[in-house]
Amino acid sequence: MLDNIQKWFKTIIMKIDQDHQKIHNDCREQFICVSEFSGYGAQDIELAGISELHTEYQIGRYKPVYHHLLFTTQGAGTLKYDAGEIAIEPDTMTLLPAGSCFYYELASFEWHTCWFLLKDALMWRQLRKIALGVYQCHSCELIKSTLSLLSKHHAVYAGTESKKESELLAILKFYIDEALNSVQQSTHHGAKLQMFFNELQGQLHLPWTTEMIASELHISEPHLFRICQQVMGKSPMQYLLELRLQHACELLKHTRLGLEQIANTVGYQDAGSFSQRFRKSIGIAPGAWRKQAR
């Protein structure tokens, strides 16, 4: 699958000075020249827009000079790049750093977004530290509505000094900065979480709970759950169960340990509860699985 995506990516996008664009007439896009606005930071936002996409929408870019931020409020899209593809869902921020080759397209009946082309300037230096990807964002609607207000105000008062315009621009930048900072924190906590679970594989016998894991990582339980969903695609206890069963399978296959010993090693009180969980998750009793594996 990955080889096919990479081959497709090379033929469609990764050609010198070649972009790809296919937009159906049903799509509605409002382009907003924020660089013409008055207020701190306006000159570092090359262009912004509000889009309502229908029927067909495809955009591919080869090493763009701008950072691209895309906030999705409704519908869905798909992001494709040289390492694979990611679903773009509501309440997410898609981050495409300057110099990244990418391609995205409509993946549902409709797709509502607002987006920004940001100059690779000092103001947006934190973007250089965040990897290309799709991240959870709870301020998408706020960013979109603030951008819309800013555009409407500028249309009425263009060419005049406007305190309100500067204030709206400051609010917009605040929301964007907040979203980027949240991603940076999640990325940092995600790395700590992955390291913790790597170390936890030697401590599977302990009676771990979400409260214990959150305490070890010095974060709240709700935040632990959010990060685990983002990084692992499942809850902390679901991932812990997966680790326990993986280790149990290794012990069943490569050792002569009895079920009681294996159960205790991977965190179960007795062979009965271990066997019940193993059969429910794997679909076969551990003894029968051992015979098949050998």
C-alpha atoms as a PDB file:
ATOM      1  CA  MET A   1       0.000   0.000   0.000  1.00  0.00           C
ATOM      2  CA  LEU A   2       2.755   2.431   0.995  1.00  0.00           C
ATOM      3  CA  ASP A   3       4.779   1.603  -2.143  1.00  0.00           C
ATOM      4  CA  ASN A   4       1.737   2.378  -4.308  1.00  0.00           C
ATOM      5  CA  ILE A   5       1.200   5.732  -2.579  1.00  0.00           C
ATOM      6  CA  GLN A   6       4.863   6.666  -2.977  1.00  0.00           C
ATOM      7  CA  LYS A   7       4.849   5.688  -6.661  1.00  0.00           C
ATOM      8  CA  TRP A   8       1.658   7.678  -7.238  1.00  0.00           C
ATOM      9  CA  PHE A   9       3.095  10.622  -5.314  1.00  0.00           C
ATOM     10  CA  LYS A  10       6.192  10.731  -7.481  1.00  0.00           C
ATOM     11  CA  THR A  11       4.210  10.672 -10.719  1.00  0.00           C
ATOM     12  CA  ILE A  12       1.516  13.195  -9.694  1.00  0.00           C
ATOM     13  CA  ILE A  13       3.287  15.760  -7.529  1.00  0.00           C
ATOM     14  CA  MET A  14       7.001  15.293  -7.095  1.00  0.00           C
ATOM     15  CA  LYS A  15       8.043  16.874 -10.378  1.00  0.00           C
ATOM     16  CA  ILE A  16      10.056  20.061 -10.375  1.00  0.00           C
ATOM     17  CA  ASP A  17       7.837  23.167 -10.397  1.00  0.00           C
ATOM     18  CA  GLN A  18       4.646  21.171 -10.909  1.00  0.00           C
ATOM     19  CA  ASP A  19       1.495  21.502  -8.800  1.00  0.00           C
ATOM     20  CA  HIS A  20      -1.855  19.784  -9.204  1.00  0.00           C
ATOM     21  CA  GLN A  21      -5.303  21.371  -8.967  1.00  0.00           C
ATOM     22  CA  LYS A  22      -8.792  20.138  -9.818  1.00  0.00           C
ATOM     23  CA  ILE A  23     -11.769  22.082  -8.438  1.00  0.00           C
ATOM     24  CA  HIS A  24     -15.416  21.507  -9.374  1.00  0.00           C
ATOM     25  CA  ASN A  25     -17.751  24.419 -10.075  1.00  0.00           C
ATOM     26  CA  ASP A  26     -19.837  23.394  -7.043  1.00  0.00           C
ATOM     27  CA  CYS A  27     -16.996  24.485  -4.756  1.00  0.00           C
ATOM     28  CA  ARG A  28     -17.220  27.923  -3.152  1.00  0.00           C
ATOM     29  CA  GLU A  29     -14.070  29.646  -1.941  1.00  0.00           C
ATOM     30  CA  GLN A  30     -13.583  33.114  -0.497  1.00  0.00           C
ATOM     31  CA  PHE A  31     -10.008  34.357  -0.764  1.00  0.00           C
ATOM     32  CA  ILE A  32      -8.932  36.875   1.894  1.00  0.00           C
ATOM     33  CA  CYS A  33      -5.775  38.979   1.417  1.00  0.00           C
ATOM     34  CA  VAL A  34      -4.882  39.355   5.085  1.00  0.00           C
ATOM     35  CA  SER A  35      -1.542  40.929   4.128  1.00  0.00           C
ATOM     36  CA  GLU A  36      -3.528  44.054   3.117  1.00  0.00           C
ATOM     37  CA  PHE A  37      -5.091  44.408   6.580  1.00  0.00           C
ATOM     38  CA  SER A  38      -3.910  46.738   9.310  1.00  0.00           C
ATOM     39  CA  GLY A  39      -2.567  45.177  12.474  1.00  0.00           C
ATOM     40  CA  TYR A  40       0.374  43.290  13.927  1.00  0.00           C
ATOM     41  CA  GLY A  41       1.284  40.170  11.967  1.00  0.00           C
ATOM     42  CA  ALA A  42      -0.864  40.851   8.905  1.00  0.00           C
ATOM     43  CA  GLN A  43       2.200  41.016   6.659  1.00  0.00           C
ATOM     44  CA  ASP A  44       3.226  37.506   7.737  1.00  0.00           C
ATOM     45  CA  ILE A  45      -0.048  35.961   6.516  1.00  0.00           C
ATOM     46  CA  GLU A  46       0.187  35.808   2.733  1.00  0.00           C
ATOM     47  CA  LEU A  47      -3.370  34.662   2.098  1.00  0.00           C
ATOM     48  CA  ALA A  48      -6.353  33.106   3.859  1.00  0.00           C
ATOM     49  CA  GLY A  49      -9.665  31.662   2.780  1.00  0.00           C
ATOM     50  CA  ILE A  50     -12.995  30.127   3.702  1.00  0.00           C
ATOM     51  CA  SER A  51     -14.061  27.152   1.600  1.00  0.00           C
ATOM     52  CA  GLU A  52     -17.231  25.113   1.125  1.00  0.00           C
ATOM     53  CA  LEU A  53     -16.280  22.206  -1.077  1.00  0.00           C
ATOM     54  CA  HIS A  54     -18.599  19.859  -2.969  1.00  0.00           C
ATOM     55  CA  THR A  55     -18.460  17.187  -5.703  1.00  0.00           C
ATOM     56  CA  GLU A  56     -14.714  17.260  -6.450  1.00  0.00           C
ATOM     57  CA  TYR A  57     -11.714  19.025  -4.973  1.00  0.00           C
ATOM     58  CA  GLN A  58      -8.055  18.078  -5.421  1.00  0.00           C
ATOM     59  CA  ILE A  59      -4.998  20.153  -4.548  1.00  0.00           C
ATOM     60  CA  GLY A  60      -1.377  19.061  -4.800  1.00  0.00           C
ATOM     61  CA  ARG A  61       1.659  21.204  -4.012  1.00  0.00           C
ATOM     62  CA  TYR A  62       5.356  20.626  -4.630  1.00  0.00           C
ATOM     63  CA  LYS A  63       7.603  22.195  -1.974  1.00  0.00           C
ATOM     64  CA  PRO A  64       5.543  25.363  -1.374  1.00  0.00           C
ATOM     65  CA  VAL A  65       7.332  28.358   0.165  1.00  0.00           C
ATOM     66  CA  TYR A  66       4.477  28.989   2.627  1.00  0.00           C
ATOM     67  CA  HIS A  67       3.280  27.091   5.680  1.00  0.00           C
ATOM     68  CA  HIS A  68      -0.260  25.835   5.064  1.00  0.00           C
ATOM     69  CA  LEU A  69      -2.805  25.580   7.906  1.00  0.00           C
ATOM     70  CA  LEU A  70      -6.201  24.036   7.201  1.00  0.00           C
ATOM     71  CA  PHE A  71      -8.976  24.024   9.826  1.00  0.00           C
ATOM     72  CA  THR A  72     -11.873  21.639   9.142  1.00  0.00           C
ATOM     73  CA  THR A  73     -15.303  22.429  10.619  1.00  0.00           C
ATOM     74  CA  GLN A  74     -17.541  20.030   8.665  1.00  0.00           C
ATOM     75  CA  GLY A  75     -17.178  17.087   6.311  1.00  0.00           C
ATOM     76  CA  ALA A  76     -13.956  15.269   5.547  1.00  0.00           C
ATOM     77  CA  GLY A  77     -10.929  15.162   3.300  1.00  0.00           C
ATOM     78  CA  THR A  78      -7.860  12.985   2.797  1.00  0.00           C
ATOM     79  CA  LEU A  79      -4.246  14.125   3.072  1.00  0.00           C
ATOM     80  CA  LYS A  80      -1.682  12.179   1.030  1.00  0.00           C
ATOM     81  CA  TYR A  81       2.077  12.586   1.201  1.00  0.00           C
ATOM     82  CA  ASP A  82       5.219  10.529   0.616  1.00  0.00           C
ATOM     83  CA  ALA A  83       4.855   8.566   3.897  1.00  0.00           C
ATOM     84  CA  GLY A  84       1.188   7.593   3.454  1.00  0.00           C
ATOM     85  CA  GLU A  85      -2.238   9.143   3.903  1.00  0.00           C
ATOM     86  CA  ILE A  86      -4.288  10.564   6.781  1.00  0.00           C
ATOM     87  CA  ALA A  87      -8.029  11.187   7.135  1.00  0.00           C
ATOM     88  CA  ILE A  88      -8.979  14.839   7.718  1.00  0.00           C
ATOM     89  CA  GLU A  89     -12.038  15.036   9.980  1.00  0.00           C
ATOM     90  CA  PRO A  90     -14.039  17.845  11.659  1.00  0.00           C
ATOM     91  CA  ASP A  91     -12.379  19.741  14.520  1.00  0.00           C
ATOM     92  CA  THR A  92      -8.894  19.137  13.189  1.00  0.00           C
ATOM     93  CA  MET A  93      -6.009  21.307  12.065  1.00  0.00           C
ATOM     94  CA  THR A  94      -4.006  20.068   9.089  1.00  0.00           C
ATOM     95  CA  LEU A  95      -0.450  21.396   9.250  1.00  0.00           C
ATOM     96  CA  LEU A  96       1.675  21.420   6.095  1.00  0.00           C
ATOM     97  CA  PRO A  97       5.049  23.085   6.802  1.00  0.00           C
ATOM     98  CA  ALA A  98       6.824  25.082   4.098  1.00  0.00           C
ATOM     99  CA  GLY A  99       8.782  22.811   1.772  1.00  0.00           C
ATOM    100  CA  SER A 100       6.466  19.807   2.283  1.00  0.00           C
ATOM    101  CA  CYS A 101       5.071  18.046  -0.780  1.00  0.00           C
ATOM    102  CA  PHE A 102       1.410  17.131  -0.269  1.00  0.00           C
ATOM    103  CA  TYR A 103      -1.892  16.367  -1.936  1.00  0.00           C
ATOM    104  CA  TYR A 104      -5.377  16.473  -0.463  1.00  0.00           C
ATOM    105  CA  GLU A 105      -8.869  15.851  -1.767  1.00  0.00           C
ATOM    106  CA  LEU A 106     -12.540  15.827  -0.813  1.00  0.00           C
ATOM    107  CA  ALA A 107     -13.532  12.587   0.970  1.00  0.00           C
ATOM    108  CA  SER A 108     -17.226  13.187   1.752  1.00  0.00           C
ATOM    109  CA  PHE A 109     -20.317  14.879   0.320  1.00  0.00           C
ATOM    110  CA  GLU A 110     -19.041  18.241   1.549  1.00  0.00           C
ATOM    111  CA  TRP A 111     -16.011  19.713   3.241  1.00  0.00           C
ATOM    112  CA  HIS A 112     -16.045  23.067   5.074  1.00  0.00           C
ATOM    113  CA  THR A 113     -12.707  24.634   5.968  1.00  0.00           C
ATOM    114  CA  CYS A 114     -10.814  27.822   6.555  1.00  0.00           C
ATOM    115  CA  TRP A 115      -7.142  28.007   5.698  1.00  0.00           C
ATOM    116  CA  PHE A 116      -4.030  30.178   5.876  1.00  0.00           C
ATOM    117  CA  LEU A 117      -0.824  30.515   3.878  1.00  0.00           C
ATOM    118  CA  LEU A 118       1.762  31.712   6.396  1.00  0.00           C
ATOM    119  CA  LYS A 119       5.128  33.161   5.468  1.00  0.00           C
ATOM    120  CA  ASP A 120       8.160  31.304   6.778  1.00  0.00           C
ATOM    121  CA  ALA A 121       8.847  34.218   9.121  1.00  0.00           C
ATOM    122  CA  LEU A 122       9.982  34.631  12.713  1.00  0.00           C
ATOM    123  CA  MET A 123       6.365  35.001  13.852  1.00  0.00           C
ATOM    124  CA  TRP A 124       5.606  31.406  12.842  1.00  0.00           C
ATOM    125  CA  ARG A 125       8.922  29.883  13.923  1.00  0.00           C
ATOM    126  CA  GLN A 126       7.140  27.209  16.013  1.00  0.00           C
ATOM    127  CA  LEU A 127       5.839  25.665  12.772  1.00  0.00           C
ATOM    128  CA  ARG A 128       9.345  24.486  11.990  1.00  0.00           C
ATOM    129  CA  LYS A 129       9.198  22.241  15.073  1.00  0.00           C
ATOM    130  CA  ILE A 130       5.909  20.498  14.226  1.00  0.00           C
ATOM    131  CA  ALA A 131       5.665  17.614  11.782  1.00  0.00           C
ATOM    132  CA  LEU A 132       3.302  17.512   8.832  1.00  0.00           C
ATOM    133  CA  GLY A 133       0.036  15.951   9.963  1.00  0.00           C
ATOM    134  CA  VAL A 134      -3.594  16.241  11.067  1.00  0.00           C
ATOM    135  CA  TYR A 135      -4.125  17.273  14.694  1.00  0.00           C
ATOM    136  CA  GLN A 136      -7.141  17.661  16.970  1.00  0.00           C
ATOM    137  CA  CYS A 137      -8.232  21.300  17.297  1.00  0.00           C
ATOM    138  CA  HIS A 138     -11.187  22.566  19.343  1.00  0.00           C
ATOM    139  CA  SER A 139     -11.064  26.151  18.071  1.00  0.00           C
ATOM    140  CA  CYS A 140     -11.782  25.561  14.364  1.00  0.00           C
ATOM    141  CA  GLU A 141     -15.196  27.271  14.486  1.00  0.00           C
ATOM    142  CA  LEU A 142     -13.770  30.206  16.449  1.00  0.00           C
ATOM    143  CA  ILE A 143     -10.969  30.674  13.941  1.00  0.00           C
ATOM    144  CA  LYS A 144     -13.356  30.460  11.002  1.00  0.00           C
ATOM    145  CA  SER A 145     -15.894  32.899  12.484  1.00  0.00           C
ATOM    146  CA  THR A 146     -13.157  35.390  13.480  1.00  0.00           C
ATOM    147  CA  LEU A 147     -11.671  35.244   9.985  1.00  0.00           C
ATOM    148  CA  SER A 148     -15.137  35.838   8.501  1.00  0.00           C
ATOM    149  CA  LEU A 149     -15.742  38.858  10.776  1.00  0.00           C
ATOM    150  CA  LEU A 150     -12.331  40.244   9.915  1.00  0.00           C
ATOM    151  CA  SER A 151     -13.020  39.914   6.189  1.00  0.00           C
ATOM    152  CA  LYS A 152     -16.441  41.587   6.429  1.00  0.00           C
ATOM    153  CA  HIS A 153     -15.070  44.451   8.493  1.00  0.00           C
ATOM    154  CA  HIS A 154     -12.211  45.032   6.050  1.00  0.00           C
ATOM    155  CA  ALA A 155     -14.642  45.086   3.116  1.00  0.00           C
ATOM    156  CA  VAL A 156     -16.470  48.009   4.733  1.00  0.00           C
ATOM    157  CA  TYR A 157     -13.512  49.952   6.158  1.00  0.00           C
ATOM    158  CA  ALA A 158     -10.742  49.116   3.663  1.00  0.00           C
ATOM    159  CA  GLY A 159      -8.127  51.844   3.342  1.00  0.00           C
ATOM    160  CA  THR A 160      -8.782  53.367   6.770  1.00  0.00           C
ATOM    161  CA  GLU A 161      -7.054  52.887  10.093  1.00  0.00           C
ATOM    162  CA  SER A 162      -9.290  50.571  12.090  1.00  0.00           C
ATOM    163  CA  LYS A 163      -8.766  49.670  15.718  1.00  0.00           C
ATOM    164  CA  LYS A 164     -11.382  46.939  15.444  1.00  0.00           C
ATOM    165  CA  GLU A 165      -9.551  45.359  12.511  1.00  0.00           C
ATOM    166  CA  SER A 166      -6.336  45.243  14.540  1.00  0.00           C
ATOM    167  CA  GLU A 167      -8.214  43.738  17.483  1.00  0.00           C
ATOM    168  CA  LEU A 168      -9.841  41.053  15.326  1.00  0.00           C
ATOM    169  CA  LEU A 169      -6.483  40.215  13.776  1.00  0.00           C
ATOM    170  CA  ALA A 170      -4.949  39.896  17.263  1.00  0.00           C
ATOM    171  CA  ILE A 171      -7.785  37.584  18.317  1.00  0.00           C
ATOM    172  CA  LEU A 172      -7.296  35.487  15.183  1.00  0.00           C
ATOM    173  CA  LYS A 173      -3.564  35.166  15.834  1.00  0.00           C
ATOM    174  CA  PHE A 174      -4.279  34.258  19.469  1.00  0.00           C
ATOM    175  CA  TYR A 175      -6.536  31.354  18.408  1.00  0.00           C
ATOM    176  CA  ILE A 176      -4.007  30.123  15.827  1.00  0.00           C
ATOM    177  CA  ASP A 177      -1.133  30.338  18.346  1.00  0.00           C
ATOM    178  CA  GLU A 178      -3.258  28.485  20.899  1.00  0.00           C
ATOM    179  CA  ALA A 179      -3.933  25.683  18.407  1.00  0.00           C
ATOM    180  CA  LEU A 180      -0.231  25.412  17.487  1.00  0.00           C
ATOM    181  CA  ASN A 181       0.873  25.420  21.140  1.00  0.00           C
ATOM    182  CA  SER A 182      -1.637  22.681  21.905  1.00  0.00           C
ATOM    183  CA  VAL A 183      -0.159  20.553  19.112  1.00  0.00           C
ATOM    184  CA  GLN A 184       3.378  21.137  20.411  1.00  0.00           C
ATOM    185  CA  GLN A 185       2.350  20.089  23.910  1.00  0.00           C
ATOM    186  CA  SER A 186       0.535  17.008  22.607  1.00  0.00           C
ATOM    187  CA  THR A 187       3.562  16.062  20.495  1.00  0.00           C
ATOM    188  CA  HIS A 188       5.826  16.378  23.539  1.00  0.00           C
ATOM    189  CA  HIS A 189       3.442  14.390  25.735  1.00  0.00           C
ATOM    190  CA  GLY A 190       2.979  11.849  22.939  1.00  0.00           C
ATOM    191  CA  ALA A 191       6.726  11.165  22.859  1.00  0.00           C
ATOM    192  CA  LYS A 192       6.740  10.769  26.652  1.00  0.00           C
ATOM    193  CA  LEU A 193       3.736   8.440  26.422  1.00  0.00           C
ATOM    194  CA  GLN A 194       5.426   6.237  23.820  1.00  0.00           C
ATOM    195  CA  MET A 195       8.586   6.065  25.928  1.00  0.00           C
ATOM    196  CA  PHE A 196       6.529   5.208  29.010  1.00  0.00           C
ATOM    197  CA  PHE A 197       4.711   2.345  27.278  1.00  0.00           C
ATOM    198  CA  ASN A 198       8.041   1.023  25.959  1.00  0.00           C
ATOM    199  CA  GLU A 199       9.325   0.854  29.537  1.00  0.00           C
ATOM    200  CA  LEU A 200       6.007  -0.483  30.828  1.00  0.00           C
ATOM    201  CA  GLN A 201       6.476  -3.685  28.796  1.00  0.00           C
ATOM    202  CA  GLY A 202       8.830  -4.855  31.541  1.00  0.00           C
ATOM    203  CA  GLN A 203       6.213  -4.111  34.214  1.00  0.00           C
ATOM    204  CA  LEU A 204       3.092  -5.720  32.780  1.00  0.00           C
ATOM    205  CA  HIS A 205       2.582  -7.730  35.964  1.00  0.00           C
ATOM    206  CA  LEU A 206       1.634  -4.585  37.915  1.00  0.00           C
ATOM    207  CA  PRO A 207      -2.080  -3.672  38.345  1.00  0.00           C
ATOM    208  CA  TRP A 208      -1.959  -0.584  36.131  1.00  0.00           C
ATOM    209  CA  THR A 209      -4.912   1.835  35.976  1.00  0.00           C
ATOM    210  CA  THR A 210      -5.416   5.035  33.966  1.00  0.00           C
ATOM    211  CA  GLU A 211      -5.003   6.961  37.226  1.00  0.00           C
ATOM    212  CA  MET A 212      -1.594   5.341  37.829  1.00  0.00           C
ATOM    213  CA  ILE A 213      -0.417   5.957  34.261  1.00  0.00           C
ATOM    214  CA  ALA A 214      -1.563   9.598  34.318  1.00  0.00           C
ATOM    215  CA  SER A 215       0.217  10.085  37.639  1.00  0.00           C
ATOM    216  CA  GLU A 216       3.456   8.620  36.251  1.00  0.00           C
ATOM    217  CA  LEU A 217       3.277  11.036  33.290  1.00  0.00           C
ATOM    218  CA  HIS A 218       2.188  14.004  35.464  1.00  0.00           C
ATOM    219  CA  ILE A 219      -0.904  14.728  33.358  1.00  0.00           C
ATOM    220  CA  SER A 220      -4.651  14.483  33.963  1.00  0.00           C
ATOM    221  CA  GLU A 221      -6.627  11.355  33.044  1.00  0.00           C
ATOM    222  CA  PRO A 222      -8.719  13.162  30.344  1.00  0.00           C
ATOM    223  CA  HIS A 223      -5.507  14.518  28.791  1.00  0.00           C
ATOM    224  CA  LEU A 224      -3.958  11.043  28.913  1.00  0.00           C
ATOM    225  CA  PHE A 225      -6.981   9.629  27.094  1.00  0.00           C
ATOM    226  CA  ARG A 226      -6.817  12.361  24.386  1.00  0.00           C
ATOM    227  CA  ILE A 227      -3.092  11.878  23.765  1.00  0.00           C
ATOM    228  CA  CYS A 228      -3.416   8.101  23.717  1.00  0.00           C
ATOM    229  CA  GLN A 229      -6.193   8.325  21.128  1.00  0.00           C
ATOM    230  CA  GLN A 230      -4.053  10.632  18.984  1.00  0.00           C
ATOM    231  CA  VAL A 231      -0.819   8.643  19.260  1.00  0.00           C
ATOM    232  CA  MET A 232      -2.024   5.037  19.639  1.00  0.00           C
ATOM    233  CA  GLY A 233      -5.526   5.267  18.167  1.00  0.00           C
ATOM    234  CA  LYS A 234      -7.014   3.672  21.293  1.00  0.00           C
ATOM    235  CA  SER A 235      -7.513   4.248  25.022  1.00  0.00           C
ATOM    236  CA  PRO A 236      -4.665   3.649  27.525  1.00  0.00           C
ATOM    237  CA  MET A 237      -6.240   0.458  28.866  1.00  0.00           C
ATOM    238  CA  GLN A 238      -6.941  -0.874  25.367  1.00  0.00           C
ATOM    239  CA  TYR A 239      -3.286  -0.353  24.472  1.00  0.00           C
ATOM    240  CA  LEU A 240      -2.168  -1.936  27.756  1.00  0.00           C
ATOM    241  CA  LEU A 241      -4.345  -4.965  26.987  1.00  0.00           C
ATOM    242  CA  GLU A 242      -2.740  -5.196  23.540  1.00  0.00           C
ATOM    243  CA  LEU A 243       0.752  -5.151  25.074  1.00  0.00           C
ATOM    244  CA  ARG A 244      -0.211  -7.831  27.607  1.00  0.00           C
ATOM    245  CA  LEU A 245      -1.633 -10.133  24.959  1.00  0.00           C
ATOM    246  CA  GLN A 246       1.353  -9.619  22.647  1.00  0.00           C
ATOM    247  CA  HIS A 247       3.730 -10.566  25.453  1.00  0.00           C
ATOM    248  CA  ALA A 248       1.538 -13.516  26.425  1.00  0.00           C
ATOM    249  CA  CYS A 249       1.697 -14.799  22.842  1.00  0.00           C
ATOM    250  CA  GLU A 250       5.504 -14.566  22.890  1.00  0.00           C
ATOM    251  CA  LEU A 251       5.622 -16.542  26.139  1.00  0.00           C
ATOM    252  CA  LEU A 252       3.182 -19.154  24.838  1.00  0.00           C
ATOM    253  CA  LYS A 253       5.195 -19.615  21.662  1.00  0.00           C
ATOM    254  CA  HIS A 254       8.766 -19.504  22.939  1.00  0.00           C
ATOM    255  CA  THR A 255       8.610 -20.862  26.526  1.00  0.00           C
ATOM    256  CA  ARG A 256       7.222 -23.842  28.408  1.00  0.00           C
ATOM    257  CA  LEU A 257       5.725 -21.704  31.164  1.00  0.00           C
ATOM    258  CA  GLY A 258       2.312 -22.818  32.413  1.00  0.00           C
ATOM    259  CA  LEU A 259      -0.793 -20.669  31.982  1.00  0.00           C
ATOM    260  CA  GLU A 260      -0.742 -19.664  35.647  1.00  0.00           C
ATOM    261  CA  GLN A 261       2.824 -18.326  35.365  1.00  0.00           C
ATOM    262  CA  ILE A 262       2.091 -16.523  32.107  1.00  0.00           C
ATOM    263  CA  ALA A 263      -1.068 -15.008  33.589  1.00  0.00           C
ATOM    264  CA  ASN A 264       0.880 -13.601  36.548  1.00  0.00           C
ATOM    265  CA  THR A 265       3.654 -12.293  34.280  1.00  0.00           C
ATOM    266  CA  VAL A 266       1.265 -10.240  32.156  1.00  0.00           C
ATOM    267  CA  GLY A 267      -0.899  -8.903  34.988  1.00  0.00           C
ATOM    268  CA  TYR A 268      -3.709 -11.409  35.575  1.00  0.00           C
ATOM    269  CA  GLN A 269      -4.486 -12.910  38.977  1.00  0.00           C
ATOM    270  CA  ASP A 270      -5.085 -16.432  37.735  1.00  0.00           C
ATOM    271  CA  ALA A 271      -5.091 -18.631  34.635  1.00  0.00           C
ATOM    272  CA  GLY A 272      -8.895 -18.551  34.425  1.00  0.00           C
ATOM    273  CA  SER A 273      -9.243 -14.772  34.038  1.00  0.00           C
ATOM    274  CA  PHE A 274      -6.269 -14.730  31.641  1.00  0.00           C
ATOM    275  CA  SER A 275      -7.743 -17.498  29.476  1.00  0.00           C
ATOM    276  CA  GLN A 276     -11.126 -15.780  29.382  1.00  0.00           C
ATOM    277  CA  ARG A 277      -9.592 -12.478  28.224  1.00  0.00           C
ATOM    278  CA  PHE A 278      -7.274 -14.225  25.726  1.00  0.00           C
ATOM    279  CA  ARG A 279     -10.142 -16.163  24.135  1.00  0.00           C
ATOM    280  CA  LYS A 280     -12.334 -13.037  23.958  1.00  0.00           C
ATOM    281  CA  SER A 281      -9.620 -10.954  22.270  1.00  0.00           C
ATOM    282  CA  ILE A 282      -7.799 -13.550  20.139  1.00  0.00           C
ATOM    283  CA  GLY A 283     -10.754 -15.837  19.430  1.00  0.00           C
ATOM    284  CA  ILE A 284      -9.110 -19.031  20.640  1.00  0.00           C
ATOM    285  CA  ALA A 285      -8.004 -20.507  23.985  1.00  0.00           C
ATOM    286  CA  PRO A 286      -4.338 -19.876  24.907  1.00  0.00           C
ATOM    287  CA  GLY A 287      -3.525 -23.613  25.011  1.00  0.00           C
ATOM    288  CA  ALA A 288      -4.923 -24.146  21.511  1.00  0.00           C
ATOM    289  CA  TRP A 289      -3.131 -21.028  20.252  1.00  0.00           C
ATOM    290  CA  ARG A 290       0.173 -22.417  21.638  1.00  0.00           C
ATOM    291  CA  LYS A 291      -0.282 -25.690  19.722  1.00  0.00           C
ATOM    292  CA  GLN A 292      -1.002 -23.840  16.483  1.00  0.00           C
ATOM    293  CA  ALA A 293       1.933 -21.420  16.954  1.00  0.00           C
ATOM    294  CA  ARG A 294       4.351 -24.318  17.471  1.00  0.00           C
END
